[in-house]
Amino acid sequence: MAANLLDYDLEGLALFCERLGEKRFRAVQLFRWIHQKGASDFDAMTDLAKSLREKLKGCADVKSLSVVSQHMSTDGTIKWLFDVGAGDAVEAVFIPESDRGTLCISSQAGCAVGCRFCSTGHQGFSRNLTAGEIVSQLWFAEHFLRKHLGRDERIISNVVMMGMGEPLQNYAELVPSLRVMLDDHAYGLSRRRVTVSTSGMVPMIDRLGQDCPVALAVSLHAPNDALRESLVPLNKKHPIAQLMDACVRYLAVAPRDFVTFEYCMLDGVNDTPELALQLVELLRASGGGLSWCKVNLIPFNPFTASGLTRSSSARVEAFSDVLSRAGVVTTVRKTRGGDIAAACGQLAGDVKDRTGAVVRMHKRRGAAWPGRGLAAVTALVE
């Protein structure tokens, strides 16, 4: 079976070339052709020796994910649905801004964490993506956008691992994909501009800090264990105190001097001024101050069957005011791509529910919040 060269970071590709009897500089050339120029045809890689090109044809390919659909929003946001086989699909979203281009990508088909407020979680977990499937989303989007916009320079300046799935549950494939994104021979992204979002896998936060520290975002959504456990089941295994300690440890190696905490504003669930005060005290106690954190308030974007309503602008503003007055750097996420279901919390794809998650979610939801659904954000864009 041919090796998909999108699966390799530069070190992996160098070992692959070594097995073919080639020197490391050939791997660098090949890496640049694939990632910087978007080449998938070995014959187009004209500075590679013809003998190497012939070897590659016999044992390798550059195989991107197939695009099932593409939707373009009136605000410039683009959403792609990629086929990952066996009836599963994942989504990626490009969000253009005046000073940057952000790509939100997926790490799993579905999600095993089972957050009650997550649209992907309602569909259960299918499988982890390979490193090549993760990188493929960036590879396709970057080179599509260059052609679409008629530009030769890099389009995507920021990548956020905030699409479908919990990245740190797919750690073995996540790290090689991050290394490709950061490599100057590939996309050359700054560690400050690559963000991994997690629901709170404490041991893996520590490992990421050791192996490949990039910007960190934590899906918090509640300031106390009782409320967070009802929203994020993983909190039962890794309570808030443990999570906060891990975040403070991460700061020692992080490329930024703060951690971002994502907080989806759910009407009547987690959006009261009292809970805002609890959040201030939590952050202050955890870091010995408030300069180490940034809180990103996410207006909830309803999805089919969620049953939840978005916190009103007044409630979001009141919550934000409590944080800001206390000295917490606070932002309110702009909603983008809502007309193509590409906004925060709307990524779902065509993932099969192999776990019975939908049935369980409805049962738990009815018991915990009569008349309410729970939804949330897996496609968070910094």
Protein backbone atom coordinates (compact mmCIF):
# COMPACT_ATOMS: atom_id res chain seq x y z
CA MET A 1 0.00 0.00 0.00
CA ALA A 2 1.33 3.40 -0.99
CA ALA A 3 2.42 5.70 1.84
CA ASN A 4 0.50 8.98 2.04
CA LEU A 5 3.22 11.60 2.42
CA LEU A 6 0.77 13.96 4.14
CA ASP A 7 1.08 11.63 7.15
CA TYR A 8 4.71 12.60 7.77
CA ASP A 9 6.33 15.51 9.55
CA LEU A 10 9.79 16.41 8.25
CA GLU A 11 11.60 13.89 10.48
CA GLY A 12 9.24 11.15 9.40
CA LEU A 13 9.69 12.06 5.75
CA ALA A 14 13.48 12.07 6.17
CA LEU A 15 13.32 8.51 7.53
CA PHE A 16 11.05 7.51 4.66
CA CYS A 17 13.53 8.92 2.13
CA GLU A 18 16.41 7.23 3.95
CA ARG A 19 14.68 3.88 3.43
CA LEU A 20 14.63 4.72 -0.27
CA GLY A 21 18.38 5.35 -0.18
CA GLU A 22 17.99 9.13 -0.36
CA LYS A 23 19.65 11.86 1.70
CA ARG A 24 17.87 14.25 4.04
CA PHE A 25 18.01 17.24 1.70
CA ARG A 26 15.76 15.31 -0.69
CA ALA A 27 13.17 15.04 2.06
CA VAL A 28 13.34 18.81 2.58
CA GLN A 29 12.82 19.39 -1.14
CA LEU A 30 9.91 16.97 -1.20
CA PHE A 31 8.38 18.51 1.94
CA ARG A 32 8.51 21.98 0.37
CA TRP A 33 6.90 20.79 -2.85
CA ILE A 34 4.03 19.17 -0.98
CA HIS A 35 3.26 21.84 1.59
CA GLN A 36 4.58 25.13 0.26
CA LYS A 37 3.62 24.58 -3.36
CA GLY A 38 0.70 22.20 -2.92
CA ALA A 39 2.09 19.65 -5.38
CA SER A 40 0.70 16.13 -5.48
CA ASP A 41 2.18 15.04 -8.84
CA PHE A 42 5.73 13.80 -8.44
CA ASP A 43 6.54 14.65 -12.08
CA ALA A 44 5.89 18.32 -11.25
CA MET A 45 8.64 18.26 -8.61
CA THR A 46 11.28 19.21 -11.16
CA ASP A 47 14.28 19.64 -8.85
CA LEU A 48 13.98 16.06 -7.59
CA ALA A 49 16.14 13.50 -9.35
CA LYS A 50 14.17 11.54 -11.92
CA SER A 51 15.22 8.32 -10.20
CA LEU A 52 13.65 9.51 -6.94
CA ARG A 53 10.46 10.56 -8.70
CA GLU A 54 10.18 7.08 -10.18
CA LYS A 55 10.74 5.49 -6.76
CA LEU A 56 8.04 7.69 -5.25
CA LYS A 57 5.54 6.75 -7.93
CA GLY A 58 5.92 3.15 -6.93
CA CYS A 59 5.51 3.49 -3.18
CA ALA A 60 3.95 6.82 -2.23
CA ASP A 61 1.31 9.40 -3.01
CA VAL A 62 0.03 12.73 -1.75
CA LYS A 63 -3.59 11.96 -1.01
CA SER A 64 -5.86 14.69 0.28
CA LEU A 65 -9.34 14.17 1.68
CA SER A 66 -12.18 14.27 -0.81
CA VAL A 67 -14.43 17.31 -0.57
CA VAL A 68 -18.10 16.37 -0.21
CA SER A 69 -19.39 19.94 -0.17
CA GLN A 70 -18.26 23.54 0.02
CA HIS A 71 -20.31 26.47 1.27
CA MET A 72 -19.39 30.15 1.09
CA SER A 73 -20.95 32.65 3.48
CA THR A 74 -21.87 36.20 2.63
CA ASP A 75 -19.27 37.31 5.19
CA GLY A 76 -16.46 35.44 3.42
CA THR A 77 -16.43 32.39 5.67
CA ILE A 78 -15.98 29.09 3.81
CA LYS A 79 -16.95 25.67 5.15
CA TRP A 80 -15.81 22.36 3.69
CA LEU A 81 -17.17 18.91 4.42
CA PHE A 82 -14.50 16.23 3.90
CA ASP A 83 -15.14 12.52 3.38
CA VAL A 84 -13.04 10.35 5.72
CA GLY A 85 -14.54 7.04 4.64
CA ALA A 86 -17.03 4.52 6.03
CA GLY A 87 -19.82 7.07 5.85
CA ASP A 88 -18.04 9.55 8.13
CA ALA A 89 -17.21 13.16 7.38
CA VAL A 90 -15.50 16.08 9.12
CA GLU A 91 -15.73 19.80 8.66
CA ALA A 92 -13.23 22.65 8.44
CA VAL A 93 -13.97 26.37 8.33
CA PHE A 94 -11.95 29.32 7.00
CA ILE A 95 -12.66 32.70 8.60
CA PRO A 96 -11.12 35.75 6.91
CA GLU A 97 -10.30 38.91 8.86
CA SER A 98 -8.60 42.10 7.78
CA ASP A 99 -5.40 41.15 9.61
CA ARG A 100 -5.44 37.34 9.44
CA GLY A 101 -6.96 34.23 7.96
CA THR A 102 -7.99 31.55 10.44
CA LEU A 103 -8.67 27.91 9.65
CA CYS A 104 -10.64 25.84 12.17
CA ILE A 105 -9.96 22.14 11.65
CA SER A 106 -11.12 18.81 13.05
CA SER A 107 -9.13 16.10 14.82
CA GLN A 108 -11.76 13.35 15.10
CA ALA A 109 -14.84 12.11 13.27
CA GLY A 110 -17.30 12.75 16.05
CA CYS A 111 -16.21 13.09 19.67
CA ALA A 112 -15.98 10.70 22.59
CA VAL A 113 -16.00 13.32 25.37
CA GLY A 114 -19.79 13.61 25.29
CA CYS A 115 -20.24 17.23 26.37
CA ARG A 116 -23.96 17.77 26.64
CA PHE A 117 -23.84 21.11 24.87
CA CYS A 118 -21.85 19.91 21.87
CA SER A 119 -23.45 19.31 18.48
CA THR A 120 -20.74 16.80 17.56
CA GLY A 121 -21.20 15.06 20.90
CA HIS A 122 -24.85 14.45 20.05
CA GLN A 123 -23.65 12.19 17.23
CA GLY A 124 -21.13 10.17 19.19
CA PHE A 125 -17.63 9.08 18.24
CA SER A 126 -16.56 7.31 15.06
CA ARG A 127 -12.75 7.42 15.00
CA ASN A 128 -9.57 9.45 15.32
CA LEU A 129 -8.21 11.16 12.25
CA THR A 130 -4.70 10.34 11.09
CA ALA A 131 -2.03 13.05 11.04
CA GLY A 132 -2.40 13.12 7.26
CA GLU A 133 -6.15 13.66 7.52
CA ILE A 134 -5.62 16.53 9.96
CA VAL A 135 -2.92 18.16 7.81
CA SER A 136 -4.96 17.51 4.67
CA GLN A 137 -7.56 20.03 5.79
CA LEU A 138 -4.89 22.74 5.95
CA TRP A 139 -3.17 21.54 2.75
CA PHE A 140 -6.41 21.65 0.78
CA ALA A 141 -7.68 24.94 2.24
CA GLU A 142 -4.40 26.83 1.82
CA HIS A 143 -3.88 25.90 -1.81
CA PHE A 144 -7.56 26.21 -2.73
CA LEU A 145 -7.60 29.73 -1.28
CA ARG A 146 -4.47 30.76 -3.16
CA LYS A 147 -6.10 29.78 -6.44
CA HIS A 148 -9.50 31.15 -5.44
CA LEU A 149 -8.08 34.51 -4.38
CA GLY A 150 -5.40 34.65 -7.07
CA ARG A 151 -2.56 35.09 -4.60
CA ASP A 152 0.82 33.37 -4.30
CA GLU A 153 1.59 34.26 -0.70
CA ARG A 154 0.36 32.39 2.36
CA ILE A 155 -3.35 32.91 3.07
CA ILE A 156 -3.86 31.04 6.34
CA SER A 157 -2.03 32.70 9.22
CA ASN A 158 -3.81 31.01 12.15
CA VAL A 159 -4.93 27.45 12.76
CA VAL A 160 -7.24 26.46 15.59
CA MET A 161 -7.80 22.84 16.56
CA MET A 162 -11.36 23.64 17.55
CA GLY A 163 -13.39 21.76 14.98
CA MET A 164 -14.90 18.35 15.50
CA GLY A 165 -13.37 16.21 18.23
CA GLU A 166 -11.16 16.54 21.31
CA PRO A 167 -7.60 17.04 19.96
CA LEU A 168 -5.85 15.74 23.07
CA GLN A 169 -7.69 12.41 22.80
CA ASN A 170 -5.92 11.97 19.47
CA TYR A 171 -2.53 12.98 20.78
CA ALA A 172 -0.37 10.57 18.77
CA GLU A 173 -1.68 12.02 15.51
CA LEU A 174 -2.08 15.59 16.74
CA VAL A 175 1.57 16.27 17.53
CA PRO A 176 3.01 15.28 14.11
CA SER A 177 0.34 17.38 12.43
CA LEU A 178 1.23 20.39 14.60
CA ARG A 179 4.89 19.96 13.71
CA VAL A 180 4.03 20.13 10.02
CA MET A 181 2.06 23.35 10.57
CA LEU A 182 4.98 24.92 12.46
CA ASP A 183 7.79 23.78 10.17
CA ASP A 184 9.40 26.57 8.13
CA HIS A 185 9.74 24.16 5.21
CA ALA A 186 5.97 23.65 5.25
CA TYR A 187 3.51 26.32 6.49
CA GLY A 188 5.81 28.16 8.89
CA LEU A 189 3.07 29.12 11.31
CA SER A 190 3.99 30.76 14.60
CA ARG A 191 3.40 28.76 17.79
CA ARG A 192 1.41 31.77 18.97
CA ARG A 193 -0.92 31.35 16.00
CA VAL A 194 -1.63 27.64 16.33
CA THR A 195 -4.17 26.91 19.06
CA VAL A 196 -5.21 23.60 20.57
CA SER A 197 -8.56 23.63 22.34
CA THR A 198 -9.31 21.04 25.00
CA SER A 199 -12.22 20.18 27.26
CA GLY A 200 -9.73 19.54 30.06
CA MET A 201 -7.52 16.46 29.62
CA VAL A 202 -5.07 17.34 32.37
CA PRO A 203 -2.28 14.76 31.74
CA MET A 204 -2.28 15.54 28.02
CA ILE A 205 -2.03 19.29 28.64
CA ASP A 206 1.20 18.55 30.50
CA ARG A 207 2.46 16.33 27.66
CA LEU A 208 1.65 18.96 25.05
CA GLY A 209 3.69 21.46 27.03
CA GLN A 210 6.66 19.09 26.90
CA ASP A 211 6.34 17.91 23.30
CA CYS A 212 4.94 20.76 21.23
CA PRO A 213 3.79 23.85 23.14
CA VAL A 214 1.38 25.98 21.15
CA ALA A 215 -1.36 28.38 22.24
CA LEU A 216 -3.86 26.74 24.58
CA ALA A 217 -7.61 27.28 24.82
CA VAL A 218 -9.73 25.55 27.45
CA SER A 219 -13.46 24.96 27.07
CA LEU A 220 -14.49 25.94 30.57
CA HIS A 221 -18.17 27.00 30.38
CA ALA A 222 -18.71 26.96 34.15
CA PRO A 223 -16.87 28.23 37.26
CA ASN A 224 -17.71 25.37 39.65
CA ASP A 225 -17.54 21.59 39.55
CA ALA A 226 -21.26 20.93 40.00
CA LEU A 227 -22.29 22.98 36.99
CA ARG A 228 -19.32 21.98 34.86
CA GLU A 229 -19.86 18.27 35.50
CA SER A 230 -23.39 18.64 34.15
CA LEU A 231 -22.01 20.27 31.00
CA VAL A 232 -18.63 18.59 30.55
CA PRO A 233 -18.59 14.97 31.83
CA LEU A 234 -14.77 14.92 31.69
CA ASN A 235 -14.83 17.24 34.70
CA LYS A 236 -15.66 14.23 36.89
CA LYS A 237 -12.26 12.76 36.06
CA HIS A 238 -10.33 16.02 36.01
CA PRO A 239 -12.06 18.58 38.28
CA ILE A 240 -11.62 22.29 37.83
CA ALA A 241 -8.86 22.59 40.46
CA GLN A 242 -6.72 20.03 38.61
CA LEU A 243 -7.47 21.70 35.29
CA MET A 244 -6.46 25.12 36.54
CA ASP A 245 -3.22 23.77 38.00
CA ALA A 246 -2.39 22.22 34.63
CA CYS A 247 -3.07 25.52 32.86
CA VAL A 248 -0.75 27.39 35.23
CA ARG A 249 1.97 24.77 34.64
CA TYR A 250 1.50 25.15 30.89
CA LEU A 251 2.24 28.87 31.09
CA ALA A 252 5.90 28.08 31.82
CA VAL A 253 6.37 26.80 28.26
CA ALA A 254 3.48 28.43 26.38
CA PRO A 255 4.26 30.77 23.47
CA ARG A 256 1.81 33.27 24.94
CA ASP A 257 1.71 34.63 28.48
CA PHE A 258 -1.93 33.69 28.92
CA VAL A 259 -4.38 30.82 28.51
CA THR A 260 -7.72 31.42 26.80
CA PHE A 261 -10.85 30.15 28.52
CA GLU A 262 -13.85 29.63 26.26
CA TYR A 263 -17.24 30.20 27.84
CA CYS A 264 -20.40 29.52 25.84
CA MET A 265 -23.24 31.72 27.05
CA LEU A 266 -26.28 29.51 27.68
CA ASP A 267 -29.42 31.36 28.67
CA GLY A 268 -30.41 30.62 32.25
CA VAL A 269 -27.74 27.96 32.62
CA ASN A 270 -24.35 29.63 33.15
CA ASP A 271 -24.84 33.33 32.41
CA THR A 272 -25.75 35.00 35.72
CA PRO A 273 -23.71 37.79 37.39
CA GLU A 274 -23.25 35.50 40.39
CA LEU A 275 -21.53 32.92 38.22
CA ALA A 276 -19.42 35.67 36.66
CA LEU A 277 -18.18 36.58 40.14
CA GLN A 278 -17.43 32.91 40.83
CA LEU A 279 -15.41 32.82 37.60
CA VAL A 280 -13.39 35.86 38.66
CA GLU A 281 -12.57 34.27 42.02
CA LEU A 282 -11.65 30.96 40.36
CA LEU A 283 -9.22 32.62 37.97
CA ARG A 284 -7.73 34.88 40.63
CA ALA A 285 -7.15 32.02 43.06
CA SER A 286 -5.73 29.67 40.43
CA GLY A 287 -3.11 31.95 38.95
CA GLY A 288 -2.36 34.23 41.86
CA GLY A 289 -3.78 37.09 39.81
CA LEU A 290 -5.73 37.77 36.64
CA SER A 291 -3.05 38.65 34.07
CA TRP A 292 -2.53 35.02 33.08
CA CYS A 293 -5.92 34.44 31.51
CA LYS A 294 -8.26 35.69 28.82
CA VAL A 295 -11.97 34.83 28.79
CA ASN A 296 -13.72 34.51 25.45
CA LEU A 297 -17.51 34.66 25.76
CA ILE A 298 -19.23 32.73 22.98
CA PRO A 299 -22.76 33.64 21.92
CA PHE A 300 -24.53 30.31 21.58
CA ASN A 301 -25.51 29.32 18.05
CA PRO A 302 -28.53 26.99 18.15
CA PHE A 303 -28.49 23.80 16.12
CA THR A 304 -31.24 21.40 15.25
CA ALA A 305 -32.79 19.69 18.29
CA SER A 306 -30.67 21.58 20.80
CA GLY A 307 -33.62 23.24 22.50
CA LEU A 308 -31.31 25.89 23.97
CA THR A 309 -31.61 29.60 23.56
CA ARG A 310 -28.79 32.09 23.31
CA SER A 311 -28.13 34.43 26.21
CA SER A 312 -29.46 37.88 25.38
CA SER A 313 -27.02 40.63 24.45
CA ALA A 314 -27.88 42.32 27.74
CA ARG A 315 -26.99 39.21 29.78
CA VAL A 316 -23.76 38.71 27.84
CA GLU A 317 -22.86 42.36 28.40
CA ALA A 318 -23.66 42.15 32.12
CA PHE A 319 -21.54 38.99 32.47
CA SER A 320 -18.71 40.62 30.53
CA ASP A 321 -18.89 43.78 32.66
CA VAL A 322 -18.42 41.79 35.88
CA LEU A 323 -15.29 40.17 34.46
CA SER A 324 -13.88 43.36 32.96
CA ARG A 325 -14.43 45.43 36.09
CA ALA A 326 -12.50 42.82 38.05
CA GLY A 327 -9.58 43.10 35.63
CA VAL A 328 -10.13 39.97 33.51
CA VAL A 329 -9.31 40.47 29.83
CA THR A 330 -12.65 39.60 28.24
CA THR A 331 -13.80 39.39 24.64
CA VAL A 332 -17.12 38.49 23.07
CA ARG A 333 -16.78 36.23 20.06
CA LYS A 334 -18.14 37.59 16.81
CA THR A 335 -20.52 35.19 15.10
CA ARG A 336 -19.34 34.30 11.60
CA GLY A 337 -20.68 31.95 8.94
CA GLY A 338 -24.09 31.43 10.53
CA ASP A 339 -25.82 31.34 7.15
CA ILE A 340 -23.83 28.23 6.18
CA ALA A 341 -23.93 26.54 9.62
CA ALA A 342 -20.24 27.29 10.09
CA ALA A 343 -20.54 29.38 13.25
CA CYS A 344 -19.39 28.35 16.71
CA GLY A 345 -21.18 25.20 17.81
CA GLN A 346 -22.68 24.42 14.42
CA LEU A 347 -20.08 21.99 13.08
CA ALA A 348 -21.61 18.57 12.87
CA GLY A 349 -20.88 16.94 9.54
CA ASP A 350 -22.38 13.62 8.60
CA VAL A 351 -20.96 11.58 11.45
CA LYS A 352 -22.75 8.34 12.21
CA ASP A 353 -24.00 7.88 15.75
CA ARG A 354 -22.52 4.51 16.67
CA THR A 355 -22.81 5.10 20.39
CA GLY A 356 -26.46 5.86 21.08
CA ALA A 357 -25.31 9.28 22.26
CA VAL A 358 -28.36 11.10 20.95
CA VAL A 359 -30.75 8.97 22.99
CA ARG A 360 -28.63 9.31 26.13
CA MET A 361 -28.28 13.05 25.67
CA HIS A 362 -32.03 13.51 25.48
CA LYS A 363 -32.57 11.45 28.62
CA ARG A 364 -29.92 13.34 30.59
CA ARG A 365 -31.05 16.67 29.27
CA GLY A 366 -34.64 16.08 30.30
CA ALA A 367 -33.58 15.07 33.78
CA ALA A 368 -31.24 17.98 34.36
CA TRP A 369 -33.02 20.85 32.62
CA PRO A 370 -36.69 20.17 31.92
CA GLY A 371 -37.70 21.85 28.71
CA ARG A 372 -34.12 22.71 27.76
CA GLY A 373 -31.55 21.26 25.43
CA LEU A 374 -27.82 21.58 25.83
CA ALA A 375 -25.58 22.64 23.03
CA ALA A 376 -22.17 24.09 22.65
CA VAL A 377 -19.12 25.02 20.87
CA THR A 378 -16.66 22.74 19.18
CA ALA A 379 -15.78 25.11 16.35
CA LEU A 380 -14.32 27.99 18.30
CA VAL A 381 -12.34 30.53 16.34
CA GLU A 382 -9.82 32.77 18.01
